[in-house]
Amino acid sequence: MTTLEKEMVTIQKEKVPTLLFSQREVVTDPEAKKLRLLELQKSQILGNISHAKVWIYFETAEGQTYRINTTIWAVGEKFISLKGGITIPISSIFKID
């Protein structure tokens, strides 16, 4: 079963710190990784300029898929930062809308 076919759970960003993330990379295609980083950076610019929210789809260590609707404040080398100091590992993110 692919990541997109699993049951998707919508949560509030405040619940993210209670989730356990693995070190496993959910995106294996090198071109898809580049596209993911580009989308994250574009979302960061939108968030910083106009406080625009995006949907972030990610997977936890247990294999559960989640989505949140929030503003991306910063994109680092390994993590993205949301309001309130909440972080999500980039390796766990498989889609940004």
N, C-alpha and C. Protein backbone atom coordinates (compact mmCIF):
# COMPACT_ATOMS: atom_id res chain seq x y z
N MET A 1 0.85 -1.18 0.00
CA MET A 1 0.00 0.00 0.00
C MET A 1 0.90 1.24 0.00
N THR A 2 0.63 2.18 -0.89
CA THR A 2 1.44 3.39 -0.95
C THR A 2 0.99 4.37 0.13
N THR A 3 1.83 5.37 0.37
CA THR A 3 1.55 6.38 1.40
C THR A 3 0.21 7.06 1.16
N LEU A 4 -0.09 7.40 -0.08
CA LEU A 4 -1.33 8.11 -0.37
C LEU A 4 -2.56 7.24 -0.21
N GLU A 5 -2.39 5.91 -0.27
CA GLU A 5 -3.53 5.01 -0.14
C GLU A 5 -3.89 4.71 1.32
N LYS A 6 -3.00 5.03 2.25
CA LYS A 6 -3.26 4.77 3.66
C LYS A 6 -4.30 5.76 4.17
N GLU A 7 -4.90 5.43 5.29
CA GLU A 7 -5.89 6.32 5.89
C GLU A 7 -5.22 7.60 6.36
N MET A 8 -5.74 8.74 5.89
CA MET A 8 -5.19 10.05 6.21
C MET A 8 -5.93 10.62 7.41
N VAL A 9 -5.18 11.12 8.40
CA VAL A 9 -5.76 11.72 9.58
C VAL A 9 -5.39 13.20 9.60
N THR A 10 -6.39 14.06 9.72
CA THR A 10 -6.15 15.50 9.83
C THR A 10 -6.02 15.85 11.31
N ILE A 11 -4.92 16.55 11.64
CA ILE A 11 -4.69 16.94 13.03
C ILE A 11 -4.35 18.43 13.11
N GLN A 12 -4.40 18.97 14.31
CA GLN A 12 -3.97 20.34 14.56
C GLN A 12 -2.45 20.32 14.77
N LYS A 13 -1.80 21.41 14.40
CA LYS A 13 -0.33 21.45 14.51
C LYS A 13 0.15 21.27 15.95
N GLU A 14 -0.65 21.64 16.91
CA GLU A 14 -0.27 21.51 18.31
C GLU A 14 -0.09 20.04 18.74
N LYS A 15 -0.64 19.11 17.97
CA LYS A 15 -0.52 17.68 18.26
C LYS A 15 0.77 17.07 17.70
N VAL A 16 1.44 17.79 16.79
CA VAL A 16 2.64 17.26 16.15
C VAL A 16 3.72 16.85 17.15
N PRO A 17 4.00 17.65 18.21
CA PRO A 17 5.06 17.24 19.15
C PRO A 17 4.79 15.91 19.86
N THR A 18 3.56 15.43 19.85
CA THR A 18 3.25 14.16 20.50
C THR A 18 3.51 12.96 19.58
N LEU A 19 3.82 13.22 18.32
CA LEU A 19 4.04 12.14 17.34
C LEU A 19 5.50 11.70 17.32
N LEU A 20 5.72 10.45 16.97
CA LEU A 20 7.06 9.89 16.87
C LEU A 20 7.42 9.75 15.40
N PHE A 21 8.54 10.32 15.00
CA PHE A 21 8.99 10.26 13.62
C PHE A 21 10.19 9.33 13.51
N SER A 22 10.29 8.64 12.38
CA SER A 22 11.44 7.75 12.16
C SER A 22 12.49 8.48 11.34
N GLN A 23 13.63 7.85 11.20
CA GLN A 23 14.72 8.39 10.38
C GLN A 23 14.54 7.99 8.91
N ARG A 24 13.55 7.15 8.65
CA ARG A 24 13.31 6.64 7.29
C ARG A 24 12.82 7.74 6.36
N GLU A 25 13.37 7.76 5.17
CA GLU A 25 12.96 8.72 4.14
C GLU A 25 11.72 8.18 3.42
N VAL A 26 10.63 8.96 3.40
CA VAL A 26 9.39 8.50 2.77
C VAL A 26 9.37 8.74 1.26
N VAL A 27 10.21 9.62 0.77
CA VAL A 27 10.31 9.90 -0.67
C VAL A 27 11.62 9.31 -1.15
N THR A 28 11.55 8.37 -2.08
CA THR A 28 12.76 7.68 -2.53
C THR A 28 13.31 8.21 -3.85
N ASP A 29 12.47 8.77 -4.69
CA ASP A 29 12.89 9.27 -5.99
C ASP A 29 13.67 10.58 -5.82
N PRO A 30 14.90 10.67 -6.35
CA PRO A 30 15.70 11.89 -6.19
C PRO A 30 15.02 13.14 -6.76
N GLU A 31 14.34 13.00 -7.88
CA GLU A 31 13.65 14.16 -8.46
C GLU A 31 12.48 14.60 -7.58
N ALA A 32 11.77 13.65 -6.99
CA ALA A 32 10.66 13.98 -6.09
C ALA A 32 11.17 14.67 -4.83
N LYS A 33 12.36 14.30 -4.37
CA LYS A 33 12.97 14.96 -3.22
C LYS A 33 13.28 16.42 -3.53
N LYS A 34 13.82 16.66 -4.72
CA LYS A 34 14.12 18.04 -5.14
C LYS A 34 12.84 18.86 -5.23
N LEU A 35 11.79 18.26 -5.79
CA LEU A 35 10.51 18.94 -5.91
C LEU A 35 9.93 19.23 -4.53
N ARG A 36 10.04 18.29 -3.60
CA ARG A 36 9.55 18.49 -2.24
C ARG A 36 10.25 19.69 -1.59
N LEU A 37 11.56 19.75 -1.72
CA LEU A 37 12.31 20.86 -1.13
C LEU A 37 11.91 22.18 -1.76
N LEU A 38 11.72 22.19 -3.06
CA LEU A 38 11.29 23.41 -3.77
C LEU A 38 9.91 23.85 -3.27
N GLU A 39 8.99 22.91 -3.12
CA GLU A 39 7.64 23.23 -2.63
C GLU A 39 7.69 23.75 -1.19
N LEU A 40 8.54 23.17 -0.36
CA LEU A 40 8.69 23.64 1.02
C LEU A 40 9.23 25.06 1.06
N GLN A 41 10.24 25.33 0.23
CA GLN A 41 10.81 26.67 0.20
C GLN A 41 9.81 27.70 -0.31
N LYS A 42 9.05 27.32 -1.33
CA LYS A 42 8.00 28.22 -1.85
C LYS A 42 6.94 28.47 -0.78
N SER A 43 6.58 27.44 -0.04
CA SER A 43 5.59 27.57 1.02
C SER A 43 6.11 28.45 2.16
N GLN A 44 7.40 28.36 2.43
CA GLN A 44 8.01 29.21 3.46
C GLN A 44 7.91 30.68 3.06
N ILE A 45 8.20 30.98 1.82
CA ILE A 45 8.11 32.37 1.33
C ILE A 45 6.68 32.87 1.45
N LEU A 46 5.72 32.05 1.02
CA LEU A 46 4.31 32.43 1.14
C LEU A 46 3.92 32.65 2.60
N GLY A 47 4.41 31.81 3.48
CA GLY A 47 4.09 31.92 4.89
C GLY A 47 4.67 33.17 5.52
N ASN A 48 5.90 33.50 5.14
CA ASN A 48 6.55 34.67 5.71
C ASN A 48 6.01 35.99 5.16
N ILE A 49 5.61 36.00 3.91
CA ILE A 49 5.12 37.23 3.29
C ILE A 49 3.64 37.46 3.60
N SER A 50 2.83 36.43 3.38
CA SER A 50 1.38 36.63 3.49
C SER A 50 0.70 35.75 4.54
N HIS A 51 1.50 35.01 5.33
CA HIS A 51 0.96 34.10 6.36
C HIS A 51 0.03 33.06 5.75
N ALA A 52 0.29 32.70 4.48
CA ALA A 52 -0.52 31.71 3.78
C ALA A 52 -0.29 30.32 4.37
N LYS A 53 -1.38 29.58 4.51
CA LYS A 53 -1.30 28.21 5.02
C LYS A 53 -1.24 27.22 3.87
N VAL A 54 -0.59 26.10 4.13
CA VAL A 54 -0.51 25.00 3.17
C VAL A 54 -0.88 23.71 3.89
N TRP A 55 -1.23 22.71 3.10
CA TRP A 55 -1.44 21.36 3.65
C TRP A 55 -0.11 20.64 3.59
N ILE A 56 0.29 20.08 4.71
CA ILE A 56 1.52 19.29 4.79
C ILE A 56 1.10 17.85 5.11
N TYR A 57 1.53 16.93 4.25
CA TYR A 57 1.20 15.51 4.41
C TYR A 57 2.47 14.79 4.84
N PHE A 58 2.39 14.03 5.92
CA PHE A 58 3.58 13.37 6.43
C PHE A 58 3.24 12.03 7.06
N GLU A 59 4.29 11.25 7.32
CA GLU A 59 4.14 9.90 7.87
C GLU A 59 4.95 9.79 9.17
N THR A 60 4.40 9.07 10.14
CA THR A 60 5.08 8.87 11.42
C THR A 60 5.84 7.55 11.41
N ALA A 61 6.57 7.29 12.49
CA ALA A 61 7.33 6.05 12.61
C ALA A 61 6.44 4.81 12.57
N GLU A 62 5.19 4.95 13.03
CA GLU A 62 4.25 3.83 13.02
C GLU A 62 3.65 3.59 11.64
N GLY A 63 3.95 4.47 10.67
CA GLY A 63 3.41 4.32 9.33
C GLY A 63 2.08 5.02 9.13
N GLN A 64 1.58 5.70 10.14
CA GLN A 64 0.32 6.45 10.04
C GLN A 64 0.57 7.73 9.26
N THR A 65 -0.35 8.08 8.36
CA THR A 65 -0.22 9.33 7.60
C THR A 65 -1.14 10.39 8.18
N TYR A 66 -0.61 11.59 8.24
CA TYR A 66 -1.32 12.74 8.79
C TYR A 66 -1.23 13.90 7.82
N ARG A 67 -2.13 14.86 8.04
CA ARG A 67 -2.01 16.13 7.32
C ARG A 67 -2.39 17.25 8.29
N ILE A 68 -1.73 18.38 8.09
CA ILE A 68 -2.05 19.58 8.86
C ILE A 68 -2.12 20.76 7.92
N ASN A 69 -2.92 21.73 8.27
CA ASN A 69 -3.05 22.97 7.51
C ASN A 69 -2.43 24.06 8.35
N THR A 70 -1.28 24.55 7.91
CA THR A 70 -0.53 25.50 8.73
C THR A 70 0.41 26.34 7.88
N THR A 71 1.09 27.27 8.53
CA THR A 71 2.08 28.12 7.90
C THR A 71 3.47 27.58 8.18
N ILE A 72 4.30 27.50 7.14
CA ILE A 72 5.69 27.08 7.31
C ILE A 72 6.52 28.34 7.54
N TRP A 73 7.17 28.43 8.69
CA TRP A 73 7.96 29.61 9.02
C TRP A 73 9.39 29.50 8.55
N ALA A 74 9.96 28.28 8.57
CA ALA A 74 11.36 28.11 8.16
C ALA A 74 11.58 26.70 7.63
N VAL A 75 12.48 26.62 6.65
CA VAL A 75 12.89 25.33 6.09
C VAL A 75 14.38 25.20 6.33
N GLY A 76 14.75 24.20 7.10
CA GLY A 76 16.16 23.95 7.39
C GLY A 76 16.69 22.81 6.55
N GLU A 77 17.84 22.31 6.96
CA GLU A 77 18.46 21.22 6.24
C GLU A 77 17.71 19.90 6.43
N LYS A 78 17.20 19.68 7.66
CA LYS A 78 16.54 18.41 7.96
C LYS A 78 15.12 18.56 8.49
N PHE A 79 14.74 19.77 8.90
CA PHE A 79 13.43 20.00 9.51
C PHE A 79 12.78 21.25 8.95
N ILE A 80 11.42 21.26 9.03
CA ILE A 80 10.71 22.52 8.80
C ILE A 80 10.23 23.00 10.17
N SER A 81 10.07 24.29 10.29
CA SER A 81 9.63 24.89 11.54
C SER A 81 8.28 25.55 11.34
N LEU A 82 7.38 25.27 12.27
CA LEU A 82 6.05 25.86 12.27
C LEU A 82 5.96 26.85 13.43
N LYS A 83 4.88 27.57 13.51
CA LYS A 83 4.67 28.50 14.60
C LYS A 83 4.75 27.76 15.94
N GLY A 84 5.32 28.41 16.93
CA GLY A 84 5.41 27.82 18.26
C GLY A 84 6.59 26.90 18.44
N GLY A 85 7.54 26.93 17.51
CA GLY A 85 8.72 26.08 17.63
C GLY A 85 8.48 24.62 17.31
N ILE A 86 7.37 24.32 16.68
CA ILE A 86 7.04 22.95 16.30
C ILE A 86 7.82 22.59 15.03
N THR A 87 8.41 21.41 15.02
CA THR A 87 9.19 20.98 13.86
C THR A 87 8.69 19.63 13.33
N ILE A 88 8.93 19.44 12.03
CA ILE A 88 8.62 18.16 11.37
C ILE A 88 9.85 17.81 10.53
N PRO A 89 10.34 16.57 10.63
CA PRO A 89 11.47 16.18 9.78
C PRO A 89 11.07 16.18 8.30
N ILE A 90 11.90 16.78 7.48
CA ILE A 90 11.61 16.82 6.04
C ILE A 90 11.50 15.41 5.47
N SER A 91 12.29 14.49 5.99
CA SER A 91 12.27 13.11 5.48
C SER A 91 10.93 12.42 5.68
N SER A 92 10.08 12.95 6.57
CA SER A 92 8.77 12.36 6.84
C SER A 92 7.66 12.96 5.98
N ILE A 93 7.96 14.06 5.29
CA ILE A 93 6.95 14.76 4.48
C ILE A 93 6.92 14.17 3.08
N PHE A 94 5.72 13.82 2.61
CA PHE A 94 5.62 13.28 1.26
C PHE A 94 4.82 14.14 0.30
N LYS A 95 4.15 15.19 0.80
CA LYS A 95 3.38 16.05 -0.10
C LYS A 95 3.10 17.40 0.56
N ILE A 96 3.09 18.46 -0.25
CA ILE A 96 2.73 19.81 0.19
C ILE A 96 1.75 20.36 -0.82
N ASP A 97 0.62 20.86 -0.33
CA ASP A 97 -0.39 21.49 -1.21
C ASP A 97 -0.62 22.91 -0.75
